[in-house]
């Protein structure tokens, strides 16, 4: 690598081809470990803007391009690995560090938190 531009391109490529995809499939345990070392791994960026947003990208309906955290504007049905299904709007303030909280639209009742490892699938309503 002979130039600053090549170094920047290499770093961006590593983020998009290695780091971001890893976040999209890692377990909560590994994500928590990465959070502790995020300054060294991801650079000087807030984990909620990268690590946790990228982790939730494994369920694309939960994120929105260009925004951080979970998308609160779409009602979703979350299917858990134990077979339960729950419907509501994600609560972005309470859905932190790999935990998802839903708010039922009809009752306002909170459901969760559900850890990212428990979630099998998410679809928009």
N, C-alpha and C. Protein backbone atom coordinates (compact mmCIF):
# COMPACT_ATOMS: atom_id res chain seq x y z
N UNK A 1 0.86 -1.16 0.00
CA UNK A 1 0.00 0.00 0.00
C UNK A 1 0.91 1.23 0.00
N UNK A 2 0.77 2.03 -1.01
CA UNK A 2 1.72 3.12 -1.14
C UNK A 2 1.13 4.51 -0.92
N UNK A 3 -0.18 4.62 -0.85
CA UNK A 3 -0.75 5.96 -0.68
C UNK A 3 -1.83 5.98 0.40
N UNK A 4 -2.10 7.17 0.88
CA UNK A 4 -3.16 7.37 1.86
C UNK A 4 -4.51 6.93 1.28
N UNK A 5 -4.75 7.26 0.04
CA UNK A 5 -6.02 6.90 -0.61
C UNK A 5 -6.21 5.39 -0.67
N UNK A 6 -5.11 4.65 -0.95
CA UNK A 6 -5.19 3.20 -0.98
C UNK A 6 -5.48 2.63 0.41
N UNK A 7 -4.87 3.24 1.43
CA UNK A 7 -5.12 2.80 2.80
C UNK A 7 -6.58 3.02 3.17
N UNK A 8 -7.14 4.18 2.85
CA UNK A 8 -8.54 4.49 3.15
C UNK A 8 -9.46 3.51 2.41
N UNK A 9 -9.18 3.27 1.15
CA UNK A 9 -9.98 2.33 0.36
C UNK A 9 -9.93 0.93 0.96
N UNK A 10 -8.76 0.53 1.42
CA UNK A 10 -8.61 -0.78 2.03
C UNK A 10 -9.42 -0.89 3.32
N UNK A 11 -9.37 0.14 4.13
CA UNK A 11 -10.13 0.16 5.40
C UNK A 11 -11.63 0.10 5.13
N UNK A 12 -12.10 0.90 4.17
CA UNK A 12 -13.52 0.89 3.83
C UNK A 12 -13.95 -0.48 3.32
N UNK A 13 -13.09 -1.09 2.50
CA UNK A 13 -13.39 -2.42 1.98
C UNK A 13 -13.47 -3.43 3.12
N UNK A 14 -12.54 -3.37 4.07
CA UNK A 14 -12.55 -4.29 5.21
C UNK A 14 -13.83 -4.12 6.03
N UNK A 15 -14.23 -2.87 6.24
CA UNK A 15 -15.47 -2.62 7.01
C UNK A 15 -16.67 -3.24 6.30
N UNK A 16 -16.78 -3.02 5.00
CA UNK A 16 -17.95 -3.49 4.25
C UNK A 16 -17.94 -4.98 3.96
N UNK A 17 -16.76 -5.59 3.80
CA UNK A 17 -16.72 -7.00 3.41
C UNK A 17 -16.43 -7.94 4.57
N UNK A 18 -15.88 -7.43 5.66
CA UNK A 18 -15.53 -8.28 6.81
C UNK A 18 -16.32 -7.88 8.06
N UNK A 19 -16.14 -6.65 8.51
CA UNK A 19 -16.70 -6.24 9.79
C UNK A 19 -18.22 -6.18 9.81
N UNK A 20 -18.81 -5.47 8.84
CA UNK A 20 -20.27 -5.34 8.81
C UNK A 20 -20.95 -6.70 8.66
N UNK A 21 -20.52 -7.56 7.71
CA UNK A 21 -21.14 -8.89 7.62
C UNK A 21 -20.97 -9.73 8.90
N UNK A 22 -19.83 -9.59 9.58
CA UNK A 22 -19.65 -10.31 10.84
C UNK A 22 -20.69 -9.86 11.85
N UNK A 23 -20.92 -8.56 11.95
CA UNK A 23 -21.93 -8.03 12.88
C UNK A 23 -23.31 -8.59 12.57
N UNK A 24 -23.60 -8.82 11.30
CA UNK A 24 -24.92 -9.29 10.88
C UNK A 24 -25.18 -10.74 11.24
N UNK A 25 -24.16 -11.48 11.66
CA UNK A 25 -24.38 -12.89 11.99
C UNK A 25 -23.86 -13.30 13.37
N UNK A 26 -23.16 -12.41 14.04
CA UNK A 26 -22.54 -12.76 15.33
C UNK A 26 -23.59 -12.95 16.43
N UNK A 27 -23.24 -13.78 17.40
CA UNK A 27 -24.11 -13.99 18.56
C UNK A 27 -24.04 -12.78 19.49
N UNK A 28 -25.02 -12.67 20.37
CA UNK A 28 -25.02 -11.57 21.33
C UNK A 28 -23.75 -11.59 22.17
N UNK A 29 -23.31 -12.78 22.56
CA UNK A 29 -22.09 -12.89 23.36
C UNK A 29 -20.89 -12.28 22.63
N UNK A 30 -20.74 -12.62 21.36
CA UNK A 30 -19.62 -12.08 20.59
C UNK A 30 -19.79 -10.59 20.32
N UNK A 31 -21.02 -10.15 20.09
CA UNK A 31 -21.27 -8.72 19.90
C UNK A 31 -20.90 -7.92 21.15
N UNK A 32 -21.23 -8.46 22.31
CA UNK A 32 -20.87 -7.78 23.57
C UNK A 32 -19.35 -7.72 23.74
N UNK A 33 -18.67 -8.79 23.36
CA UNK A 33 -17.20 -8.78 23.41
C UNK A 33 -16.63 -7.73 22.46
N UNK A 34 -17.19 -7.66 21.26
CA UNK A 34 -16.74 -6.67 20.28
C UNK A 34 -16.99 -5.25 20.79
N UNK A 35 -18.11 -5.06 21.47
CA UNK A 35 -18.42 -3.72 22.00
C UNK A 35 -17.32 -3.23 22.94
N UNK A 36 -16.77 -4.12 23.73
CA UNK A 36 -15.72 -3.75 24.67
C UNK A 36 -14.44 -3.31 23.96
N UNK A 37 -14.22 -3.82 22.75
CA UNK A 37 -13.00 -3.52 21.98
C UNK A 37 -13.28 -2.65 20.76
N UNK A 38 -14.49 -2.07 20.70
CA UNK A 38 -14.92 -1.40 19.48
C UNK A 38 -14.02 -0.25 19.04
N UNK A 39 -13.45 0.45 19.96
CA UNK A 39 -12.57 1.55 19.59
C UNK A 39 -11.39 1.03 18.76
N UNK A 40 -10.86 -0.13 19.14
CA UNK A 40 -9.76 -0.72 18.39
C UNK A 40 -10.24 -1.39 17.09
N UNK A 41 -11.44 -1.97 17.13
CA UNK A 41 -11.95 -2.71 15.96
C UNK A 41 -12.56 -1.76 14.93
N UNK A 42 -13.51 -0.97 15.37
CA UNK A 42 -14.29 -0.15 14.44
C UNK A 42 -13.79 1.27 14.28
N UNK A 43 -12.88 1.68 15.14
CA UNK A 43 -12.43 3.06 15.11
C UNK A 43 -13.23 3.88 16.10
N UNK A 44 -13.01 5.17 16.10
CA UNK A 44 -13.66 6.05 17.07
C UNK A 44 -15.07 6.40 16.59
N UNK A 45 -15.95 5.43 16.77
CA UNK A 45 -17.36 5.61 16.42
C UNK A 45 -18.21 5.00 17.52
N UNK A 46 -19.41 5.49 17.67
CA UNK A 46 -20.32 4.98 18.69
C UNK A 46 -20.84 3.60 18.27
N UNK A 47 -20.84 2.66 19.20
CA UNK A 47 -21.28 1.30 18.89
C UNK A 47 -22.73 1.26 18.43
N UNK A 48 -23.59 2.12 18.97
CA UNK A 48 -25.00 2.10 18.56
C UNK A 48 -25.16 2.55 17.11
N UNK A 49 -24.18 3.30 16.59
CA UNK A 49 -24.27 3.77 15.21
C UNK A 49 -23.73 2.75 14.21
N UNK A 50 -22.96 1.81 14.68
CA UNK A 50 -22.36 0.83 13.78
C UNK A 50 -22.64 -0.59 14.25
N UNK A 51 -21.96 -1.05 15.26
CA UNK A 51 -22.04 -2.44 15.72
C UNK A 51 -23.48 -2.91 15.86
N UNK A 52 -24.28 -2.22 16.65
CA UNK A 52 -25.64 -2.71 16.93
C UNK A 52 -26.56 -2.51 15.73
N UNK A 53 -26.43 -1.42 15.00
CA UNK A 53 -27.23 -1.24 13.79
C UNK A 53 -26.88 -2.33 12.78
N UNK A 54 -25.60 -2.58 12.58
CA UNK A 54 -25.18 -3.62 11.63
C UNK A 54 -25.68 -4.99 12.08
N UNK A 55 -25.67 -5.25 13.38
CA UNK A 55 -26.15 -6.53 13.88
C UNK A 55 -27.62 -6.73 13.53
N UNK A 56 -28.44 -5.68 13.69
CA UNK A 56 -29.87 -5.80 13.39
C UNK A 56 -30.14 -5.86 11.89
N UNK A 57 -29.15 -5.52 11.06
CA UNK A 57 -29.34 -5.62 9.61
C UNK A 57 -29.57 -7.05 9.14
N UNK A 58 -29.31 -8.04 9.98
CA UNK A 58 -29.62 -9.42 9.59
C UNK A 58 -31.12 -9.58 9.38
N UNK A 59 -31.91 -8.64 9.93
CA UNK A 59 -33.35 -8.57 9.71
C UNK A 59 -33.62 -7.20 9.06
N UNK A 60 -33.50 -7.11 7.73
CA UNK A 60 -33.50 -5.82 7.05
C UNK A 60 -34.67 -4.89 7.37
N UNK A 61 -35.83 -5.44 7.67
CA UNK A 61 -36.98 -4.59 7.97
C UNK A 61 -36.77 -3.78 9.27
N UNK A 62 -35.85 -4.21 10.11
CA UNK A 62 -35.61 -3.52 11.38
C UNK A 62 -34.68 -2.32 11.26
N UNK A 63 -34.06 -2.14 10.10
CA UNK A 63 -33.14 -1.02 9.94
C UNK A 63 -33.55 -0.19 8.73
N UNK A 64 -33.00 1.01 8.66
CA UNK A 64 -33.28 1.90 7.55
C UNK A 64 -31.97 2.50 7.10
N UNK A 65 -31.67 2.40 5.82
CA UNK A 65 -30.42 2.90 5.26
C UNK A 65 -30.18 4.35 5.68
N UNK A 66 -29.01 4.58 6.24
CA UNK A 66 -28.64 5.94 6.64
C UNK A 66 -29.04 6.33 8.05
N UNK A 67 -29.84 5.50 8.71
CA UNK A 67 -30.25 5.79 10.09
C UNK A 67 -29.65 4.74 11.02
N UNK A 68 -29.44 5.13 12.26
CA UNK A 68 -28.88 4.20 13.23
C UNK A 68 -29.98 3.60 14.10
N UNK A 69 -29.67 2.46 14.68
CA UNK A 69 -30.63 1.79 15.56
C UNK A 69 -31.72 1.09 14.78
N UNK A 70 -32.75 0.65 15.51
CA UNK A 70 -33.86 -0.03 14.86
C UNK A 70 -34.87 0.99 14.33
N UNK A 71 -35.51 0.61 13.26
CA UNK A 71 -36.51 1.45 12.61
C UNK A 71 -37.83 1.36 13.39
N UNK A 72 -38.29 2.48 13.91
CA UNK A 72 -39.52 2.51 14.71
C UNK A 72 -40.76 2.78 13.87
N UNK A 73 -40.61 3.03 12.57
CA UNK A 73 -41.74 3.49 11.76
C UNK A 73 -42.54 2.38 11.11
N UNK A 74 -42.08 1.14 11.24
CA UNK A 74 -42.75 0.01 10.59
C UNK A 74 -43.20 -0.99 11.64
N UNK A 75 -44.49 -1.31 11.62
CA UNK A 75 -44.97 -2.38 12.50
C UNK A 75 -44.47 -3.71 11.95
N UNK A 76 -43.97 -4.54 12.84
CA UNK A 76 -43.36 -5.81 12.44
C UNK A 76 -43.94 -6.97 13.23
N UNK A 77 -43.83 -8.13 12.64
CA UNK A 77 -44.09 -9.37 13.37
C UNK A 77 -42.75 -10.07 13.53
N UNK A 78 -42.40 -10.34 14.77
CA UNK A 78 -41.15 -11.00 15.12
C UNK A 78 -41.47 -12.44 15.47
N UNK A 79 -40.79 -13.36 14.81
CA UNK A 79 -40.92 -14.77 15.14
C UNK A 79 -39.66 -15.17 15.91
N UNK A 80 -39.89 -15.74 17.08
CA UNK A 80 -38.78 -16.17 17.93
C UNK A 80 -38.44 -17.63 17.63
N UNK A 81 -37.25 -18.04 17.99
CA UNK A 81 -36.81 -19.40 17.73
C UNK A 81 -37.62 -20.44 18.51
N UNK A 82 -38.30 -20.00 19.58
CA UNK A 82 -39.14 -20.93 20.33
C UNK A 82 -40.54 -21.07 19.72
N UNK A 83 -40.78 -20.39 18.57
CA UNK A 83 -42.05 -20.51 17.87
C UNK A 83 -43.05 -19.40 18.12
N UNK A 84 -42.83 -18.59 19.14
CA UNK A 84 -43.75 -17.48 19.41
C UNK A 84 -43.63 -16.40 18.34
N UNK A 85 -44.76 -15.73 18.07
CA UNK A 85 -44.76 -14.57 17.17
C UNK A 85 -45.40 -13.41 17.89
N UNK A 86 -44.78 -12.24 17.74
CA UNK A 86 -45.27 -11.04 18.41
C UNK A 86 -45.29 -9.91 17.40
N UNK A 87 -46.29 -9.04 17.50
CA UNK A 87 -46.43 -7.93 16.56
C UNK A 87 -46.41 -6.62 17.31
N UNK A 88 -45.70 -5.64 16.74
CA UNK A 88 -45.66 -4.31 17.33
C UNK A 88 -44.64 -3.44 16.62
N UNK A 89 -44.47 -2.24 17.15
CA UNK A 89 -43.48 -1.31 16.62
C UNK A 89 -42.23 -1.40 17.50
N UNK A 90 -41.05 -1.52 16.89
CA UNK A 90 -39.83 -1.50 17.69
C UNK A 90 -39.69 -0.19 18.46
N UNK A 91 -39.23 -0.26 19.68
CA UNK A 91 -38.94 0.92 20.49
C UNK A 91 -37.43 1.16 20.42
N UNK A 92 -37.03 2.16 19.67
CA UNK A 92 -35.62 2.43 19.45
C UNK A 92 -34.86 2.82 20.69
N UNK A 93 -35.51 3.51 21.62
CA UNK A 93 -34.82 3.92 22.85
C UNK A 93 -34.56 2.75 23.78
N UNK A 94 -35.44 1.77 23.75
CA UNK A 94 -35.29 0.62 24.65
C UNK A 94 -34.63 -0.58 23.97
N UNK A 95 -34.54 -0.56 22.66
CA UNK A 95 -33.91 -1.65 21.91
C UNK A 95 -32.43 -1.34 21.75
N UNK A 96 -31.68 -1.71 22.77
CA UNK A 96 -30.25 -1.40 22.80
C UNK A 96 -29.45 -2.66 23.10
N UNK A 97 -28.19 -2.64 22.70
CA UNK A 97 -27.23 -3.70 22.99
C UNK A 97 -27.76 -5.09 22.67
N UNK A 98 -28.35 -5.23 21.48
CA UNK A 98 -28.80 -6.55 21.03
C UNK A 98 -30.10 -7.02 21.63
N UNK A 99 -30.85 -6.12 22.22
CA UNK A 99 -32.15 -6.46 22.78
C UNK A 99 -33.23 -5.67 22.04
N UNK A 100 -34.33 -6.35 21.69
CA UNK A 100 -35.41 -5.74 20.94
C UNK A 100 -36.65 -5.65 21.81
N UNK A 101 -37.22 -4.46 21.88
CA UNK A 101 -38.47 -4.23 22.60
C UNK A 101 -39.52 -3.78 21.58
N UNK A 102 -40.68 -4.42 21.62
CA UNK A 102 -41.80 -4.05 20.75
C UNK A 102 -42.89 -3.39 21.57
N UNK A 103 -43.65 -2.51 20.93
CA UNK A 103 -44.81 -1.88 21.55
C UNK A 103 -46.02 -2.23 20.69
N UNK A 104 -47.01 -2.91 21.32
CA UNK A 104 -48.22 -3.28 20.60
C UNK A 104 -48.97 -2.01 20.19
N UNK A 105 -49.40 -1.94 18.94
CA UNK A 105 -50.06 -0.72 18.47
C UNK A 105 -51.44 -0.54 19.11
N UNK A 106 -52.16 -1.61 19.34
CA UNK A 106 -53.52 -1.50 19.88
C UNK A 106 -53.54 -1.15 21.36
N UNK A 107 -52.60 -1.71 22.13
CA UNK A 107 -52.65 -1.55 23.58
C UNK A 107 -51.55 -0.67 24.15
N UNK A 108 -50.47 -0.48 23.41
CA UNK A 108 -49.32 0.26 23.93
C UNK A 108 -48.48 -0.57 24.88
N UNK A 109 -48.83 -1.84 25.03
CA UNK A 109 -48.10 -2.72 25.94
C UNK A 109 -46.74 -3.09 25.34
N UNK A 110 -45.72 -3.07 26.19
CA UNK A 110 -44.38 -3.47 25.78
C UNK A 110 -44.24 -4.98 25.79
N UNK A 111 -43.50 -5.48 24.81
CA UNK A 111 -43.18 -6.89 24.73
C UNK A 111 -41.67 -7.02 24.63
N UNK A 112 -41.10 -7.89 25.45
CA UNK A 112 -39.65 -8.06 25.43
C UNK A 112 -39.01 -7.52 26.69
N UNK A 113 -37.73 -7.39 26.69
CA UNK A 113 -36.85 -7.44 25.53
C UNK A 113 -36.54 -8.87 25.10
N UNK A 114 -36.28 -8.99 23.80
CA UNK A 114 -35.87 -10.25 23.19
C UNK A 114 -34.45 -10.06 22.70
N UNK A 115 -33.56 -10.97 23.06
CA UNK A 115 -32.18 -10.81 22.61
C UNK A 115 -32.07 -11.25 21.15
N UNK A 116 -31.12 -10.68 20.47
CA UNK A 116 -30.95 -10.91 19.04
C UNK A 116 -30.83 -12.40 18.71
N UNK A 117 -30.24 -13.18 19.60
CA UNK A 117 -30.09 -14.62 19.37
C UNK A 117 -31.41 -15.37 19.39
N UNK A 118 -32.45 -14.81 20.03
CA UNK A 118 -33.76 -15.44 20.11
C UNK A 118 -34.59 -15.23 18.87
N UNK A 119 -34.26 -14.22 18.07
CA UNK A 119 -35.09 -13.82 16.94
C UNK A 119 -34.77 -14.70 15.73
N UNK A 120 -35.83 -15.31 15.19
CA UNK A 120 -35.68 -16.18 14.03
C UNK A 120 -35.99 -15.42 12.74
N UNK A 121 -36.95 -14.50 12.79
CA UNK A 121 -37.31 -13.76 11.59
C UNK A 121 -38.15 -12.55 11.94
N UNK A 122 -38.15 -11.57 11.04
CA UNK A 122 -38.92 -10.35 11.22
C UNK A 122 -39.51 -9.96 9.88
N UNK A 123 -40.82 -9.71 9.86
CA UNK A 123 -41.49 -9.26 8.63
C UNK A 123 -42.30 -8.01 8.92
N UNK A 124 -42.41 -7.15 7.93
CA UNK A 124 -43.23 -5.93 8.05
C UNK A 124 -44.69 -6.29 7.93
N UNK A 125 -45.54 -5.54 8.61
CA UNK A 125 -46.98 -5.75 8.53
C UNK A 125 -47.61 -4.84 7.51
